[in-house]
Every structure is written in C-alpha cells, then in structure tokens.
Amino acid sequence: MARYYFHFRNGILFEDDVGEEFPDDARALQYARRVASELTEDGKSDSSVIVIRAGCQLFEIPLPKT
C-alpha cells in the first residue's frame, strides 16, 4: 500500500505530514472527495484538498462554494 498525503489550501497551504495508506489512487481520490465534502459542510469555500503520493501531486479537489 502507498502513503498519500492530503494537503488543504484556502489561501494558505496546510500540509498533511502524517498521511494515510490506501491500496490505489482510486481509493485515495474517494477519500479526498469525502474530506472535501465534510469541509464544505463546515462552511469553508474557495479552498481545495490536494492529494500527494511519492512527492507528486495526483489530484486537486476544489471545495464547492457555499
């Protein structure tokens, strides 16, 4: 399993220094979408969740504006 990091950007980049292990990119993307959905419920907008594996950005999931 690979370790993925889920950074949060809302004007400032908050780096995930712990990460989570997933069997593949699809599962990591699914997790990132869930995190983005939960953050949207908290009223944060104009932000994104960035998925990193092995030092490379794989995905950036923008949070919907509320």
C-alpha atoms as a PDB file:
ATOM      1  CA  MET A   1       0.000   0.000   0.000  1.00  0.00           C
ATOM      2  CA  ALA A   2       1.137   3.524  -0.749  1.00  0.00           C
ATOM      3  CA  ARG A   3       1.034   6.511   1.592  1.00  0.00           C
ATOM      4  CA  TYR A   4      -0.996   9.501   0.410  1.00  0.00           C
ATOM      5  CA  TYR A   5      -0.949  12.993   1.866  1.00  0.00           C
ATOM      6  CA  PHE A   6      -3.984  15.271   1.862  1.00  0.00           C
ATOM      7  CA  HIS A   7      -2.984  18.910   1.947  1.00  0.00           C
ATOM      8  CA  PHE A   8      -5.571  21.649   2.435  1.00  0.00           C
ATOM      9  CA  ARG A   9      -5.353  25.000   0.674  1.00  0.00           C
ATOM     10  CA  ASN A  10      -7.501  28.031   1.483  1.00  0.00           C
ATOM     11  CA  GLY A  11      -5.129  30.835   0.587  1.00  0.00           C
ATOM     12  CA  ILE A  12      -2.559  29.195   2.856  1.00  0.00           C
ATOM     13  CA  LEU A  13      -1.279  25.662   2.313  1.00  0.00           C
ATOM     14  CA  PHE A  14      -1.719  23.337   5.293  1.00  0.00           C
ATOM     15  CA  GLU A  15       0.433  20.278   4.694  1.00  0.00           C
ATOM     16  CA  ASP A  16      -0.530  16.831   5.919  1.00  0.00           C
ATOM     17  CA  ASP A  17       2.644  15.395   7.432  1.00  0.00           C
ATOM     18  CA  VAL A  18       1.096  12.090   8.543  1.00  0.00           C
ATOM     19  CA  GLY A  19      -0.846  10.816   5.530  1.00  0.00           C
ATOM     20  CA  GLU A  20      -2.982   7.730   5.083  1.00  0.00           C
ATOM     21  CA  GLU A  21      -2.311   4.411   3.384  1.00  0.00           C
ATOM     22  CA  PHE A  22      -4.515   3.223   0.522  1.00  0.00           C
ATOM     23  CA  PRO A  23      -4.211   0.322  -1.915  1.00  0.00           C
ATOM     24  CA  ASP A  24      -4.530   2.555  -5.000  1.00  0.00           C
ATOM     25  CA  ASP A  25      -5.102   6.058  -6.371  1.00  0.00           C
ATOM     26  CA  ALA A  26      -8.848   5.489  -6.792  1.00  0.00           C
ATOM     27  CA  ARG A  27      -9.313   4.834  -3.067  1.00  0.00           C
ATOM     28  CA  ALA A  28      -7.236   7.892  -2.182  1.00  0.00           C
ATOM     29  CA  LEU A  29      -9.341  10.037  -4.522  1.00  0.00           C
ATOM     30  CA  GLN A  30     -12.527   8.674  -2.953  1.00  0.00           C
ATOM     31  CA  TYR A  31     -11.213   9.603   0.500  1.00  0.00           C
ATOM     32  CA  ALA A  32     -10.203  13.101  -0.680  1.00  0.00           C
ATOM     33  CA  ARG A  33     -13.686  13.700  -2.077  1.00  0.00           C
ATOM     34  CA  ARG A  34     -15.211  12.687   1.258  1.00  0.00           C
ATOM     35  CA  VAL A  35     -12.869  15.046   3.122  1.00  0.00           C
ATOM     36  CA  ALA A  36     -13.744  17.875   0.711  1.00  0.00           C
ATOM     37  CA  SER A  37     -17.444  17.189   1.266  1.00  0.00           C
ATOM     38  CA  GLU A  38     -17.030  17.318   5.051  1.00  0.00           C
ATOM     39  CA  LEU A  39     -15.065  20.561   4.859  1.00  0.00           C
ATOM     40  CA  THR A  40     -17.788  22.082   2.655  1.00  0.00           C
ATOM     41  CA  GLU A  41     -20.341  21.242   5.347  1.00  0.00           C
ATOM     42  CA  ASP A  42     -18.234  23.282   7.769  1.00  0.00           C
ATOM     43  CA  GLY A  43     -18.794  26.344   5.583  1.00  0.00           C
ATOM     44  CA  LYS A  44     -15.295  26.589   4.129  1.00  0.00           C
ATOM     45  CA  SER A  45     -15.226  27.510   0.455  1.00  0.00           C
ATOM     46  CA  ASP A  46     -12.807  28.706  -2.196  1.00  0.00           C
ATOM     47  CA  SER A  47     -10.452  26.003  -0.955  1.00  0.00           C
ATOM     48  CA  SER A  48      -9.188  22.640  -2.125  1.00  0.00           C
ATOM     49  CA  VAL A  49      -7.850  19.288  -0.977  1.00  0.00           C
ATOM     50  CA  ILE A  50      -4.614  18.276  -2.707  1.00  0.00           C
ATOM     51  CA  VAL A  51      -3.608  14.621  -2.910  1.00  0.00           C
ATOM     52  CA  ILE A  52       0.118  13.814  -2.928  1.00  0.00           C
ATOM     53  CA  ARG A  53       1.817  10.429  -3.427  1.00  0.00           C
ATOM     54  CA  ALA A  54       5.596   9.964  -3.525  1.00  0.00           C
ATOM     55  CA  GLY A  55       6.100  13.736  -3.635  1.00  0.00           C
ATOM     56  CA  CYS A  56       3.905  14.227  -6.727  1.00  0.00           C
ATOM     57  CA  GLN A  57       0.508  15.895  -6.866  1.00  0.00           C
ATOM     58  CA  LEU A  58      -2.110  13.476  -8.170  1.00  0.00           C
ATOM     59  CA  PHE A  59      -5.375  15.339  -7.669  1.00  0.00           C
ATOM     60  CA  GLU A  60      -6.755  18.670  -6.538  1.00  0.00           C
ATOM     61  CA  ILE A  61     -10.377  18.625  -5.419  1.00  0.00           C
ATOM     62  CA  PRO A  62     -11.905  22.095  -5.154  1.00  0.00           C
ATOM     63  CA  LEU A  63     -14.471  22.605  -2.432  1.00  0.00           C
ATOM     64  CA  PRO A  64     -17.802  23.827  -3.777  1.00  0.00           C
ATOM     65  CA  LYS A  65     -18.600  27.416  -2.873  1.00  0.00           C
ATOM     66  CA  THR A  66     -21.422  27.612  -0.379  1.00  0.00           C
END
